[in-house]
């Protein structure tokens, strides 16, 4: 059974601060099914499972001025996502 077509498109990628290895970007998902993701600030990287069922995107998680990351995994078969 084929999974929903879903591709991440990153735009406006910018360096977080001078010399940082990380960037932030706007994320748009395009495809036959697009989940309603939380309004996060995104990194401009993603990963897909070998079988194409899962798509993972990386969100910034900044609390108390301590930067971290949150991985959002999208299941294209069940049409769900989890953090």
N, C-alpha and C. Protein backbone atom coordinates (compact mmCIF):
# COMPACT_ATOMS: atom_id res chain seq x y z
N UNK A 1 0.84 -1.19 0.00
CA UNK A 1 0.00 0.00 0.00
C UNK A 1 0.89 1.24 0.00
N UNK A 2 0.70 2.15 -0.94
CA UNK A 2 1.53 3.35 -0.97
C UNK A 2 1.14 4.31 0.16
N UNK A 3 2.13 5.04 0.62
CA UNK A 3 1.90 6.02 1.68
C UNK A 3 1.56 7.37 1.06
N UNK A 4 0.97 8.24 1.86
CA UNK A 4 0.66 9.59 1.39
C UNK A 4 1.94 10.27 0.92
N UNK A 5 1.84 10.97 -0.17
CA UNK A 5 2.99 11.74 -0.67
C UNK A 5 3.14 12.98 0.19
N UNK A 6 4.34 13.21 0.71
CA UNK A 6 4.59 14.35 1.59
C UNK A 6 6.06 14.73 1.50
N UNK A 7 6.31 15.98 1.15
CA UNK A 7 7.68 16.47 1.03
C UNK A 7 7.85 17.77 1.81
N UNK A 8 8.96 17.89 2.56
CA UNK A 8 9.24 19.15 3.25
C UNK A 8 9.92 20.15 2.32
N UNK A 9 9.53 21.40 2.42
CA UNK A 9 10.16 22.48 1.66
C UNK A 9 10.59 23.54 2.68
N UNK A 10 11.90 23.79 2.74
CA UNK A 10 12.43 24.78 3.67
C UNK A 10 12.77 26.05 2.92
N UNK A 11 12.35 27.19 3.48
CA UNK A 11 12.65 28.48 2.88
C UNK A 11 13.16 29.43 3.95
N UNK A 12 13.76 30.52 3.53
CA UNK A 12 14.24 31.57 4.43
C UNK A 12 15.20 31.05 5.50
N UNK A 13 16.05 30.09 5.17
CA UNK A 13 17.01 29.57 6.14
C UNK A 13 17.99 30.66 6.54
N UNK A 14 18.21 30.79 7.84
CA UNK A 14 19.10 31.82 8.37
C UNK A 14 19.94 31.22 9.49
N UNK A 15 21.15 31.71 9.60
CA UNK A 15 22.02 31.31 10.70
C UNK A 15 21.44 31.82 12.01
N UNK A 16 21.46 30.98 13.04
CA UNK A 16 20.90 31.36 14.34
C UNK A 16 21.68 32.51 14.94
N UNK A 17 22.98 32.41 15.00
CA UNK A 17 23.84 33.50 15.44
C UNK A 17 25.20 33.32 14.79
N UNK A 18 25.99 34.34 14.83
CA UNK A 18 27.29 34.30 14.17
C UNK A 18 28.10 33.09 14.65
N UNK A 19 28.50 32.26 13.70
CA UNK A 19 29.35 31.13 14.03
C UNK A 19 28.61 29.87 14.46
N UNK A 20 27.31 29.92 14.58
CA UNK A 20 26.55 28.74 14.99
C UNK A 20 26.46 27.73 13.85
N UNK A 21 26.57 26.43 14.15
CA UNK A 21 26.43 25.43 13.09
C UNK A 21 24.96 25.18 12.72
N UNK A 22 24.03 25.81 13.44
CA UNK A 22 22.61 25.55 13.24
C UNK A 22 21.94 26.70 12.49
N UNK A 23 20.83 26.36 11.83
CA UNK A 23 20.03 27.36 11.15
C UNK A 23 18.57 27.20 11.56
N UNK A 24 17.80 28.24 11.29
CA UNK A 24 16.35 28.10 11.41
C UNK A 24 15.77 28.37 10.04
N UNK A 25 14.54 27.89 9.83
CA UNK A 25 13.93 28.05 8.51
C UNK A 25 12.42 27.93 8.64
N UNK A 26 11.73 28.41 7.63
CA UNK A 26 10.29 28.19 7.52
C UNK A 26 10.08 26.82 6.88
N UNK A 27 9.10 26.10 7.37
CA UNK A 27 8.80 24.77 6.84
C UNK A 27 7.40 24.78 6.23
N UNK A 28 7.33 24.28 5.01
CA UNK A 28 6.05 24.03 4.35
C UNK A 28 6.05 22.58 3.92
N UNK A 29 4.98 21.88 4.24
CA UNK A 29 4.83 20.50 3.80
C UNK A 29 3.92 20.49 2.59
N UNK A 30 4.33 19.74 1.57
CA UNK A 30 3.53 19.66 0.35
C UNK A 30 3.28 18.21 0.02
N UNK A 31 2.03 17.90 -0.35
CA UNK A 31 1.73 16.54 -0.74
C UNK A 31 0.24 16.26 -0.76
N UNK A 32 -0.07 14.98 -0.88
CA UNK A 32 -1.47 14.56 -0.96
C UNK A 32 -2.18 14.63 0.39
N UNK A 33 -1.41 14.62 1.47
CA UNK A 33 -1.94 14.80 2.82
C UNK A 33 -0.92 15.62 3.59
N UNK A 34 -1.37 16.68 4.25
CA UNK A 34 -0.46 17.56 5.00
C UNK A 34 -0.99 17.69 6.43
N UNK A 35 -0.21 17.25 7.43
CA UNK A 35 -0.66 17.36 8.82
C UNK A 35 -0.61 18.80 9.31
N UNK A 36 -1.42 19.09 10.30
CA UNK A 36 -1.41 20.40 10.96
C UNK A 36 -0.39 20.35 12.09
N UNK A 37 0.83 20.78 11.82
CA UNK A 37 1.89 20.74 12.82
C UNK A 37 1.83 21.97 13.72
N UNK A 38 2.37 21.86 14.95
CA UNK A 38 2.44 23.04 15.82
C UNK A 38 3.26 24.15 15.18
N UNK A 39 3.07 25.35 15.66
CA UNK A 39 3.75 26.52 15.12
C UNK A 39 5.14 26.63 15.76
N UNK A 40 6.06 25.78 15.30
CA UNK A 40 7.42 25.76 15.81
C UNK A 40 8.33 26.56 14.89
N UNK A 41 9.53 26.85 15.40
CA UNK A 41 10.62 27.32 14.56
C UNK A 41 11.39 26.07 14.16
N UNK A 42 11.68 25.93 12.88
CA UNK A 42 12.23 24.68 12.37
C UNK A 42 13.68 24.80 11.97
N UNK A 43 14.40 23.68 12.02
CA UNK A 43 15.70 23.59 11.40
C UNK A 43 15.49 23.17 9.95
N UNK A 44 16.46 23.42 9.13
CA UNK A 44 16.31 23.11 7.71
C UNK A 44 16.85 21.71 7.37
N UNK A 45 16.54 20.73 8.22
CA UNK A 45 16.96 19.35 7.98
C UNK A 45 15.77 18.41 8.19
N UNK A 46 15.84 17.27 7.53
CA UNK A 46 14.80 16.25 7.70
C UNK A 46 15.41 14.88 7.40
N UNK A 47 14.66 13.85 7.71
CA UNK A 47 15.08 12.49 7.41
C UNK A 47 13.85 11.67 7.08
N UNK A 48 14.05 10.64 6.26
CA UNK A 48 12.95 9.74 5.88
C UNK A 48 13.35 8.31 6.22
N UNK A 49 12.37 7.49 6.57
CA UNK A 49 12.64 6.08 6.80
C UNK A 49 12.93 5.39 5.47
N UNK A 50 13.63 4.27 5.55
CA UNK A 50 14.00 3.54 4.33
C UNK A 50 12.78 3.13 3.50
N UNK A 51 11.68 2.78 4.20
CA UNK A 51 10.49 2.32 3.47
C UNK A 51 9.56 3.46 3.06
N UNK A 52 9.89 4.71 3.45
CA UNK A 52 9.11 5.87 3.05
C UNK A 52 7.89 6.16 3.91
N UNK A 53 7.68 5.36 4.95
CA UNK A 53 6.48 5.57 5.78
C UNK A 53 6.62 6.79 6.68
N UNK A 54 7.81 7.06 7.19
CA UNK A 54 8.01 8.12 8.17
C UNK A 54 8.85 9.26 7.62
N UNK A 55 8.50 10.46 8.04
CA UNK A 55 9.26 11.66 7.75
C UNK A 55 9.53 12.33 9.09
N UNK A 56 10.78 12.69 9.36
CA UNK A 56 11.13 13.37 10.61
C UNK A 56 11.66 14.76 10.29
N UNK A 57 11.19 15.74 11.03
CA UNK A 57 11.67 17.12 10.91
C UNK A 57 12.09 17.58 12.30
N UNK A 58 12.96 18.59 12.34
CA UNK A 58 13.55 19.03 13.60
C UNK A 58 13.05 20.43 13.93
N UNK A 59 12.50 20.57 15.14
CA UNK A 59 12.01 21.86 15.62
C UNK A 59 12.92 22.36 16.74
N UNK A 60 13.07 23.66 16.82
CA UNK A 60 13.78 24.25 17.95
C UNK A 60 12.92 24.15 19.18
N UNK A 61 13.55 23.89 20.33
CA UNK A 61 12.86 23.87 21.62
C UNK A 61 13.70 24.72 22.57
N UNK A 62 13.29 25.97 22.72
CA UNK A 62 14.06 26.90 23.54
C UNK A 62 13.22 27.28 24.76
N UNK A 63 13.74 26.89 25.92
CA UNK A 63 13.07 27.27 27.17
C UNK A 63 14.13 27.78 28.14
N UNK A 64 13.81 28.83 28.84
CA UNK A 64 14.75 29.46 29.79
C UNK A 64 16.10 29.75 29.15
N UNK A 65 16.07 30.18 27.89
CA UNK A 65 17.26 30.54 27.14
C UNK A 65 18.23 29.38 26.96
N UNK A 66 17.73 28.14 27.04
CA UNK A 66 18.53 26.94 26.79
C UNK A 66 18.03 26.28 25.52
N UNK A 67 18.80 26.41 24.44
CA UNK A 67 18.33 25.83 23.18
C UNK A 67 18.43 24.30 23.19
N UNK A 68 17.44 23.71 22.59
CA UNK A 68 17.40 22.27 22.41
C UNK A 68 16.60 21.97 21.16
N UNK A 69 16.34 20.69 20.93
CA UNK A 69 15.64 20.29 19.73
C UNK A 69 14.51 19.34 20.05
N UNK A 70 13.52 19.33 19.21
CA UNK A 70 12.38 18.43 19.30
C UNK A 70 12.24 17.76 17.94
N UNK A 71 12.18 16.44 17.93
CA UNK A 71 12.01 15.70 16.69
C UNK A 71 10.52 15.43 16.50
N UNK A 72 9.99 15.80 15.36
CA UNK A 72 8.59 15.54 15.02
C UNK A 72 8.59 14.45 13.95
N UNK A 73 7.97 13.31 14.27
CA UNK A 73 7.93 12.18 13.35
C UNK A 73 6.52 12.08 12.78
N UNK A 74 6.44 12.12 11.47
CA UNK A 74 5.16 12.07 10.76
C UNK A 74 4.99 10.68 10.16
N UNK A 75 3.87 10.04 10.47
CA UNK A 75 3.55 8.71 9.95
C UNK A 75 2.63 8.90 8.75
N UNK A 76 3.15 8.65 7.55
CA UNK A 76 2.38 8.88 6.33
C UNK A 76 1.35 7.79 6.06
N UNK A 77 1.47 6.66 6.73
CA UNK A 77 0.47 5.59 6.57
C UNK A 77 -0.73 5.87 7.45
N UNK A 78 -0.50 6.09 8.77
CA UNK A 78 -1.59 6.33 9.70
C UNK A 78 -2.07 7.78 9.69
N UNK A 79 -1.31 8.66 8.99
CA UNK A 79 -1.63 10.08 8.89
C UNK A 79 -1.71 10.73 10.27
N UNK A 80 -0.65 10.52 11.04
CA UNK A 80 -0.52 11.08 12.37
C UNK A 80 0.90 11.63 12.52
N UNK A 81 1.14 12.32 13.63
CA UNK A 81 2.51 12.72 13.97
C UNK A 81 2.66 12.68 15.48
N UNK A 82 3.92 12.58 15.91
CA UNK A 82 4.22 12.60 17.35
C UNK A 82 5.52 13.34 17.56
N UNK A 83 5.70 13.81 18.79
CA UNK A 83 6.92 14.57 19.14
C UNK A 83 7.77 13.74 20.09
